Structure formats: structure tokens, C-alpha cells
Amino acid sequence: MENSDEEFEEALGKSLKTIGRNLQRLRTIAEKDLTEVAKAVHMKAEVLETIEKGTHEMRVSQLARLCAYYNVTPVDLFKYSEA
């Protein structure tokens, strides 16, 4: 059975929110501010902010840089957390 475009968009939105929450949590744990992390991963702070809000469809290269910075895997970022 094929998923509809609407179902795909809903699943994508949930995944982006989960990734964003996890990135924000990691940044808080690391006691870093948004600008500091953005500079370290060669990204505009505004872009990182939208990623953390779960409203930006990031590139694979952005995901890879963020994972390397926090020393996590992409799978770690997809895991649901209650925070």
C-alpha cells in the first residue's frame, strides 16, 4: 500500500520536529548558544534555529556536520524523546 503525499508530509514533519528537539537538547546539555554551534558547523544561526524548531528540511551535509559536532549518529537524532 502506498502512502499518500499527505501521510508522507505528516511523517516528515514529525521526524523534523524530533530531530530539532534532539539537537536543541544536545546544545543545551553542551551549554552552547545557537550562534556558537552555528559557527562551528559552518551554518547560519537562522538556519540552525529553524532546524531546531523542526521547520527546516536540512541537507544531508548539514545533518552530518551536526552529528559530528555532537558526536552522535543520525539514528540518535531520529529517536523520540520526551524533552
PDB file of N, CA and C in Angstrom:
ATOM      1  N   MET A   1       0.835  -1.170   0.000  1.00  0.00           N
ATOM      2  CA  MET A   1       0.000   0.000   0.000  1.00  0.00           C
ATOM      3  C   MET A   1       0.890   1.247   0.000  1.00  0.00           C
ATOM      4  N   GLU A   2       0.599   2.184  -0.870  1.00  0.00           N
ATOM      5  CA  GLU A   2       1.368   3.407  -0.980  1.00  0.00           C
ATOM      6  C   GLU A   2       0.856   4.450  -0.002  1.00  0.00           C
ATOM      7  N   ASN A   3       1.792   5.214   0.564  1.00  0.00           N
ATOM      8  CA  ASN A   3       1.404   6.337   1.409  1.00  0.00           C
ATOM      9  C   ASN A   3       1.019   7.514   0.528  1.00  0.00           C
ATOM     10  N   SER A   4       0.044   8.258   0.958  1.00  0.00           N
ATOM     11  CA  SER A   4      -0.335   9.447   0.214  1.00  0.00           C
ATOM     12  C   SER A   4       0.673  10.556   0.497  1.00  0.00           C
ATOM     13  N   ASP A   5       0.634  11.576  -0.337  1.00  0.00           N
ATOM     14  CA  ASP A   5       1.512  12.728  -0.122  1.00  0.00           C
ATOM     15  C   ASP A   5       1.259  13.346   1.247  1.00  0.00           C
ATOM     16  N   GLU A   6       0.025  13.384   1.658  1.00  0.00           N
ATOM     17  CA  GLU A   6      -0.342  13.959   2.949  1.00  0.00           C
ATOM     18  C   GLU A   6       0.274  13.155   4.094  1.00  0.00           C
ATOM     19  N   GLU A   7       0.227  11.841   3.994  1.00  0.00           N
ATOM     20  CA  GLU A   7       0.826  10.983   5.024  1.00  0.00           C
ATOM     21  C   GLU A   7       2.341  11.159   5.064  1.00  0.00           C
ATOM     22  N   PHE A   8       2.944  11.277   3.884  1.00  0.00           N
ATOM     23  CA  PHE A   8       4.383  11.490   3.807  1.00  0.00           C
ATOM     24  C   PHE A   8       4.755  12.812   4.466  1.00  0.00           C
ATOM     25  N   GLU A   9       4.042  13.867   4.149  1.00  0.00           N
ATOM     26  CA  GLU A   9       4.323  15.190   4.714  1.00  0.00           C
ATOM     27  C   GLU A   9       4.154  15.181   6.232  1.00  0.00           C
ATOM     28  N   GLU A  10       3.159  14.473   6.722  1.00  0.00           N
ATOM     29  CA  GLU A  10       2.939  14.377   8.160  1.00  0.00           C
ATOM     30  C   GLU A  10       4.097  13.642   8.840  1.00  0.00           C
ATOM     31  N   ALA A  11       4.530  12.548   8.254  1.00  0.00           N
ATOM     32  CA  ALA A  11       5.641  11.774   8.816  1.00  0.00           C
ATOM     33  C   ALA A  11       6.936  12.584   8.766  1.00  0.00           C
ATOM     34  N   LEU A  12       7.154  13.294   7.682  1.00  0.00           N
ATOM     35  CA  LEU A  12       8.340  14.135   7.548  1.00  0.00           C
ATOM     36  C   LEU A  12       8.326  15.229   8.610  1.00  0.00           C
ATOM     37  N   GLY A  13       7.190  15.860   8.798  1.00  0.00           N
ATOM     38  CA  GLY A  13       7.065  16.909   9.807  1.00  0.00           C
ATOM     39  C   GLY A  13       7.371  16.400  11.204  1.00  0.00           C
ATOM     40  N   LYS A  14       6.883  15.218  11.527  1.00  0.00           N
ATOM     41  CA  LYS A  14       7.160  14.622  12.844  1.00  0.00           C
ATOM     42  C   LYS A  14       8.641  14.325  13.001  1.00  0.00           C
ATOM     43  N   SER A  15       9.257  13.804  11.951  1.00  0.00           N
ATOM     44  CA  SER A  15      10.692  13.499  12.005  1.00  0.00           C
ATOM     45  C   SER A  15      11.518  14.766  12.184  1.00  0.00           C
ATOM     46  N   LEU A  16      11.171  15.824  11.464  1.00  0.00           N
ATOM     47  CA  LEU A  16      11.905  17.082  11.589  1.00  0.00           C
ATOM     48  C   LEU A  16      11.770  17.663  12.992  1.00  0.00           C
ATOM     49  N   LYS A  17      10.585  17.555  13.576  1.00  0.00           N
ATOM     50  CA  LYS A  17      10.371  18.042  14.948  1.00  0.00           C
ATOM     51  C   LYS A  17      11.219  17.240  15.935  1.00  0.00           C
ATOM     52  N   THR A  18      11.260  15.924  15.767  1.00  0.00           N
ATOM     53  CA  THR A  18      12.049  15.069  16.653  1.00  0.00           C
ATOM     54  C   THR A  18      13.530  15.401  16.544  1.00  0.00           C
ATOM     55  N   ILE A  19      14.028  15.527  15.333  1.00  0.00           N
ATOM     56  CA  ILE A  19      15.431  15.884  15.120  1.00  0.00           C
ATOM     57  C   ILE A  19      15.723  17.234  15.763  1.00  0.00           C
ATOM     58  N   GLY A  20      14.853  18.192  15.536  1.00  0.00           N
ATOM     59  CA  GLY A  20      15.041  19.529  16.092  1.00  0.00           C
ATOM     60  C   GLY A  20      15.085  19.533  17.608  1.00  0.00           C
ATOM     61  N   ARG A  21      14.153  18.818  18.232  1.00  0.00           N
ATOM     62  CA  ARG A  21      14.138  18.731  19.698  1.00  0.00           C
ATOM     63  C   ARG A  21      15.428  18.099  20.219  1.00  0.00           C
ATOM     64  N   ASN A  22      15.874  17.050  19.552  1.00  0.00           N
ATOM     65  CA  ASN A  22      17.097  16.371  19.984  1.00  0.00           C
ATOM     66  C   ASN A  22      18.323  17.269  19.813  1.00  0.00           C
ATOM     67  N   LEU A  23      18.391  18.006  18.735  1.00  0.00           N
ATOM     68  CA  LEU A  23      19.514  18.919  18.536  1.00  0.00           C
ATOM     69  C   LEU A  23      19.502  20.026  19.588  1.00  0.00           C
ATOM     70  N   GLN A  24      18.336  20.553  19.869  1.00  0.00           N
ATOM     71  CA  GLN A  24      18.233  21.605  20.877  1.00  0.00           C
ATOM     72  C   GLN A  24      18.632  21.066  22.260  1.00  0.00           C
ATOM     73  N   ARG A  25      18.208  19.859  22.561  1.00  0.00           N
ATOM     74  CA  ARG A  25      18.558  19.230  23.835  1.00  0.00           C
ATOM     75  C   ARG A  25      20.066  19.032  23.934  1.00  0.00           C
ATOM     76  N   LEU A  26      20.694  18.552  22.854  1.00  0.00           N
ATOM     77  CA  LEU A  26      22.141  18.351  22.842  1.00  0.00           C
ATOM     78  C   LEU A  26      22.884  19.676  23.030  1.00  0.00           C
ATOM     79  N   ARG A  27      22.375  20.720  22.408  1.00  0.00           N
ATOM     80  CA  ARG A  27      23.016  22.037  22.541  1.00  0.00           C
ATOM     81  C   ARG A  27      22.905  22.534  23.980  1.00  0.00           C
ATOM     82  N   THR A  28      21.747  22.325  24.586  1.00  0.00           N
ATOM     83  CA  THR A  28      21.545  22.741  25.970  1.00  0.00           C
ATOM     84  C   THR A  28      22.466  21.971  26.910  1.00  0.00           C
ATOM     85  N   ILE A  29      22.560  20.666  26.705  1.00  0.00           N
ATOM     86  CA  ILE A  29      23.447  19.834  27.527  1.00  0.00           C
ATOM     87  C   ILE A  29      24.904  20.292  27.379  1.00  0.00           C
ATOM     88  N   ALA A  30      25.288  20.654  26.168  1.00  0.00           N
ATOM     89  CA  ALA A  30      26.660  21.102  25.902  1.00  0.00           C
ATOM     90  C   ALA A  30      26.896  22.538  26.384  1.00  0.00           C
ATOM     91  N   GLU A  31      25.828  23.189  26.830  1.00  0.00           N
ATOM     92  CA  GLU A  31      25.896  24.577  27.311  1.00  0.00           C
ATOM     93  C   GLU A  31      26.477  25.509  26.257  1.00  0.00           C
ATOM     94  N   LYS A  32      25.975  25.357  25.035  1.00  0.00           N
ATOM     95  CA  LYS A  32      26.405  26.196  23.913  1.00  0.00           C
ATOM     96  C   LYS A  32      25.228  27.057  23.464  1.00  0.00           C
ATOM     97  N   ASP A  33      25.534  28.236  22.948  1.00  0.00           N
ATOM     98  CA  ASP A  33      24.440  29.024  22.392  1.00  0.00           C
ATOM     99  C   ASP A  33      24.336  28.759  20.892  1.00  0.00           C
ATOM    100  N   LEU A  34      23.238  29.170  20.345  1.00  0.00           N
ATOM    101  CA  LEU A  34      22.917  28.900  18.945  1.00  0.00           C
ATOM    102  C   LEU A  34      23.999  29.419  18.002  1.00  0.00           C
ATOM    103  N   THR A  35      24.448  30.630  18.235  1.00  0.00           N
ATOM    104  CA  THR A  35      25.449  31.249  17.370  1.00  0.00           C
ATOM    105  C   THR A  35      26.768  30.489  17.406  1.00  0.00           C
ATOM    106  N   GLU A  36      27.151  30.033  18.581  1.00  0.00           N
ATOM    107  CA  GLU A  36      28.399  29.294  18.742  1.00  0.00           C
ATOM    108  C   GLU A  36      28.375  27.982  17.952  1.00  0.00           C
ATOM    109  N   VAL A  37      27.275  27.247  18.062  1.00  0.00           N
ATOM    110  CA  VAL A  37      27.151  25.977  17.336  1.00  0.00           C
ATOM    111  C   VAL A  37      27.091  26.231  15.835  1.00  0.00           C
ATOM    112  N   ALA A  38      26.300  27.214  15.439  1.00  0.00           N
ATOM    113  CA  ALA A  38      26.160  27.526  14.016  1.00  0.00           C
ATOM    114  C   ALA A  38      27.518  27.837  13.394  1.00  0.00           C
ATOM    115  N   LYS A  39      28.300  28.636  14.073  1.00  0.00           N
ATOM    116  CA  LYS A  39      29.629  28.985  13.560  1.00  0.00           C
ATOM    117  C   LYS A  39      30.514  27.738  13.453  1.00  0.00           C
ATOM    118  N   ALA A  40      30.452  26.881  14.455  1.00  0.00           N
ATOM    119  CA  ALA A  40      31.286  25.673  14.475  1.00  0.00           C
ATOM    120  C   ALA A  40      30.944  24.708  13.345  1.00  0.00           C
ATOM    121  N   VAL A  41      29.677  24.681  12.929  1.00  0.00           N
ATOM    122  CA  VAL A  41      29.252  23.742  11.874  1.00  0.00           C
ATOM    123  C   VAL A  41      29.067  24.445  10.524  1.00  0.00           C
ATOM    124  N   HIS A  42      29.559  25.688  10.437  1.00  0.00           N
ATOM    125  CA  HIS A  42      29.522  26.444   9.180  1.00  0.00           C
ATOM    126  C   HIS A  42      28.097  26.599   8.644  1.00  0.00           C
ATOM    127  N   MET A  43      27.246  27.139   9.495  1.00  0.00           N
ATOM    128  CA  MET A  43      25.837  27.296   9.170  1.00  0.00           C
ATOM    129  C   MET A  43      25.381  28.646   9.727  1.00  0.00           C
ATOM    130  N   LYS A  44      24.423  29.267   9.079  1.00  0.00           N
ATOM    131  CA  LYS A  44      23.852  30.498   9.609  1.00  0.00           C
ATOM    132  C   LYS A  44      23.025  30.160  10.847  1.00  0.00           C
ATOM    133  N   ALA A  45      23.107  31.030  11.844  1.00  0.00           N
ATOM    134  CA  ALA A  45      22.347  30.817  13.079  1.00  0.00           C
ATOM    135  C   ALA A  45      20.854  30.724  12.803  1.00  0.00           C
ATOM    136  N   GLU A  46      20.372  31.496  11.844  1.00  0.00           N
ATOM    137  CA  GLU A  46      18.950  31.478  11.498  1.00  0.00           C
ATOM    138  C   GLU A  46      18.525  30.123  10.952  1.00  0.00           C
ATOM    139  N   VAL A  47      19.412  29.494  10.193  1.00  0.00           N
ATOM    140  CA  VAL A  47      19.114  28.172   9.640  1.00  0.00           C
ATOM    141  C   VAL A  47      19.089  27.138  10.758  1.00  0.00           C
ATOM    142  N   LEU A  48      20.097  27.195  11.624  1.00  0.00           N
ATOM    143  CA  LEU A  48      20.138  26.252  12.740  1.00  0.00           C
ATOM    144  C   LEU A  48      18.904  26.420  13.626  1.00  0.00           C
ATOM    145  N   GLU A  49      18.489  27.639  13.820  1.00  0.00           N
ATOM    146  CA  GLU A  49      17.292  27.889  14.631  1.00  0.00           C
ATOM    147  C   GLU A  49      16.061  27.223  14.022  1.00  0.00           C
ATOM    148  N   THR A  50      15.900  27.322  12.701  1.00  0.00           N
ATOM    149  CA  THR A  50      14.745  26.687  12.060  1.00  0.00           C
ATOM    150  C   THR A  50      14.862  25.166  12.075  1.00  0.00           C
ATOM    151  N   ILE A  51      16.090  24.652  12.029  1.00  0.00           N
ATOM    152  CA  ILE A  51      16.290  23.204  12.145  1.00  0.00           C
ATOM    153  C   ILE A  51      15.846  22.750  13.528  1.00  0.00           C
ATOM    154  N   GLU A  52      16.277  23.484  14.559  1.00  0.00           N
ATOM    155  CA  GLU A  52      15.903  23.114  15.924  1.00  0.00           C
ATOM    156  C   GLU A  52      14.404  23.243  16.164  1.00  0.00           C
ATOM    157  N   LYS A  53      13.748  24.124  15.447  1.00  0.00           N
ATOM    158  CA  LYS A  53      12.293  24.272  15.566  1.00  0.00           C
ATOM    159  C   LYS A  53      11.556  23.183  14.784  1.00  0.00           C
ATOM    160  N   GLY A  54      12.291  22.472  13.939  1.00  0.00           N
ATOM    161  CA  GLY A  54      11.683  21.409  13.145  1.00  0.00           C
ATOM    162  C   GLY A  54      10.942  21.917  11.924  1.00  0.00           C
ATOM    163  N   THR A  55      11.335  23.099  11.443  1.00  0.00           N
ATOM    164  CA  THR A  55      10.637  23.685  10.298  1.00  0.00           C
ATOM    165  C   THR A  55      11.520  23.796   9.059  1.00  0.00           C
ATOM    166  N   HIS A  56      12.700  23.191   9.115  1.00  0.00           N
ATOM    167  CA  HIS A  56      13.646  23.291   8.001  1.00  0.00           C
ATOM    168  C   HIS A  56      14.052  21.896   7.540  1.00  0.00           C
ATOM    169  N   GLU A  57      13.883  21.632   6.266  1.00  0.00           N
ATOM    170  CA  GLU A  57      14.335  20.358   5.700  1.00  0.00           C
ATOM    171  C   GLU A  57      15.825  20.491   5.412  1.00  0.00           C
ATOM    172  N   MET A  58      16.633  19.964   6.316  1.00  0.00           N
ATOM    173  CA  MET A  58      18.071  20.145   6.206  1.00  0.00           C
ATOM    174  C   MET A  58      18.683  19.245   5.149  1.00  0.00           C
ATOM    175  N   ARG A  59      19.844  19.652   4.707  1.00  0.00           N
ATOM    176  CA  ARG A  59      20.624  18.860   3.763  1.00  0.00           C
ATOM    177  C   ARG A  59      21.355  17.758   4.526  1.00  0.00           C
ATOM    178  N   VAL A  60      21.733  16.731   3.822  1.00  0.00           N
ATOM    179  CA  VAL A  60      22.493  15.636   4.428  1.00  0.00           C
ATOM    180  C   VAL A  60      23.818  16.169   4.970  1.00  0.00           C
ATOM    181  N   SER A  61      24.432  17.091   4.267  1.00  0.00           N
ATOM    182  CA  SER A  61      25.705  17.654   4.728  1.00  0.00           C
ATOM    183  C   SER A  61      25.523  18.410   6.047  1.00  0.00           C
ATOM    184  N   GLN A  62      24.403  19.098   6.206  1.00  0.00           N
ATOM    185  CA  GLN A  62      24.123  19.793   7.468  1.00  0.00           C
ATOM    186  C   GLN A  62      23.920  18.786   8.593  1.00  0.00           C
ATOM    187  N   LEU A  63      23.183  17.747   8.309  1.00  0.00           N
ATOM    188  CA  LEU A  63      22.949  16.688   9.286  1.00  0.00           C
ATOM    189  C   LEU A  63      24.278  16.056   9.705  1.00  0.00           C
ATOM    190  N   ALA A  64      25.130  15.786   8.743  1.00  0.00           N
ATOM    191  CA  ALA A  64      26.428  15.164   9.034  1.00  0.00           C
ATOM    192  C   ALA A  64      27.296  16.072   9.904  1.00  0.00           C
ATOM    193  N   ARG A  65      27.320  17.363   9.603  1.00  0.00           N
ATOM    194  CA  ARG A  65      28.129  18.290  10.406  1.00  0.00           C
ATOM    195  C   ARG A  65      27.607  18.392  11.830  1.00  0.00           C
ATOM    196  N   LEU A  66      26.300  18.423  11.996  1.00  0.00           N
ATOM    197  CA  LEU A  66      25.715  18.490  13.339  1.00  0.00           C
ATOM    198  C   LEU A  66      25.980  17.211  14.117  1.00  0.00           C
ATOM    199  N   CYS A  67      25.860  16.073  13.458  1.00  0.00           N
ATOM    200  CA  CYS A  67      26.154  14.793  14.122  1.00  0.00           C
ATOM    201  C   CYS A  67      27.610  14.741  14.562  1.00  0.00           C
ATOM    202  N   ALA A  68      28.518  15.175  13.707  1.00  0.00           N
ATOM    203  CA  ALA A  68      29.936  15.166  14.054  1.00  0.00           C
ATOM    204  C   ALA A  68      30.198  16.113  15.232  1.00  0.00           C
ATOM    205  N   TYR A  69      29.585  17.259  15.217  1.00  0.00           N
ATOM    206  CA  TYR A  69      29.785  18.235  16.292  1.00  0.00           C
ATOM    207  C   TYR A  69      29.359  17.669  17.640  1.00  0.00           C
ATOM    208  N   TYR A  70      28.205  17.015  17.669  1.00  0.00           N
ATOM    209  CA  TYR A  70      27.678  16.471  18.923  1.00  0.00           C
ATOM    210  C   TYR A  70      28.125  15.029  19.182  1.00  0.00           C
ATOM    211  N   ASN A  71      28.878  14.457  18.243  1.00  0.00           N
ATOM    212  CA  ASN A  71      29.358  13.080  18.364  1.00  0.00           C
ATOM    213  C   ASN A  71      28.197  12.086  18.536  1.00  0.00           C
ATOM    214  N   VAL A  72      27.210  12.220  17.650  1.00  0.00           N
ATOM    215  CA  VAL A  72      26.063  11.314  17.628  1.00  0.00           C
ATOM    216  C   VAL A  72      25.863  10.818  16.201  1.00  0.00           C
ATOM    217  N   THR A  73      25.006   9.829  16.043  1.00  0.00           N
ATOM    218  CA  THR A  73      24.671   9.328  14.716  1.00  0.00           C
ATOM    219  C   THR A  73      23.332   9.922  14.281  1.00  0.00           C
ATOM    220  N   PRO A  74      23.043   9.901  12.990  1.00  0.00           N
ATOM    221  CA  PRO A  74      21.726  10.341  12.549  1.00  0.00           C
ATOM    222  C   PRO A  74      20.600   9.560  13.230  1.00  0.00           C
ATOM    223  N   VAL A  75      20.821   8.279  13.457  1.00  0.00           N
ATOM    224  CA  VAL A  75      19.807   7.458  14.125  1.00  0.00           C
ATOM    225  C   VAL A  75      19.496   8.027  15.508  1.00  0.00           C
ATOM    226  N   ASP A  76      20.531   8.487  16.215  1.00  0.00           N
ATOM    227  CA  ASP A  76      20.321   9.086  17.535  1.00  0.00           C
ATOM    228  C   ASP A  76      19.363  10.273  17.454  1.00  0.00           C
ATOM    229  N   LEU A  77      19.474  11.056  16.400  1.00  0.00           N
ATOM    230  CA  LEU A  77      18.641  12.249  16.261  1.00  0.00           C
ATOM    231  C   LEU A  77      17.196  11.919  15.906  1.00  0.00           C
ATOM    232  N   PHE A  78      16.976  10.755  15.311  1.00  0.00           N
ATOM    233  CA  PHE A  78      15.628  10.349  14.937  1.00  0.00           C
ATOM    234  C   PHE A  78      14.859   9.713  16.089  1.00  0.00           C
ATOM    235  N   LYS A  79      15.557   9.427  17.189  1.00  0.00           N
ATOM    236  CA  LYS A  79      14.901   8.792  18.326  1.00  0.00           C
ATOM    237  C   LYS A  79      14.025   9.797  19.045  1.00  0.00           C
ATOM    238  N   TYR A  80      12.818   9.392  19.330  1.00  0.00           N
ATOM    239  CA  TYR A  80      11.859  10.243  20.017  1.00  0.00           C
ATOM    240  C   TYR A  80      12.293  10.459  21.465  1.00  0.00           C
ATOM    241  N   SER A  81      12.188  11.680  21.914  1.00  0.00           N
ATOM    242  CA  SER A  81      12.476  11.972  23.320  1.00  0.00           C
ATOM    243  C   SER A  81      11.366  12.855  23.860  1.00  0.00           C
ATOM    244  N   GLU A  82      11.107  12.738  25.148  1.00  0.00           N
ATOM    245  CA  GLU A  82      10.032  13.479  25.801  1.00  0.00           C
ATOM    246  C   GLU A  82      10.423  14.909  26.134  1.00  0.00           C
ATOM    247  N   ALA A  83      11.675  15.272  25.982  1.00  0.00           N
ATOM    248  CA  ALA A  83      12.119  16.608  26.348  1.00  0.00           C
ATOM    249  C   ALA A  83      11.494  17.572  25.417  1.00  0.00           C
TER     250      ALA A  83
END
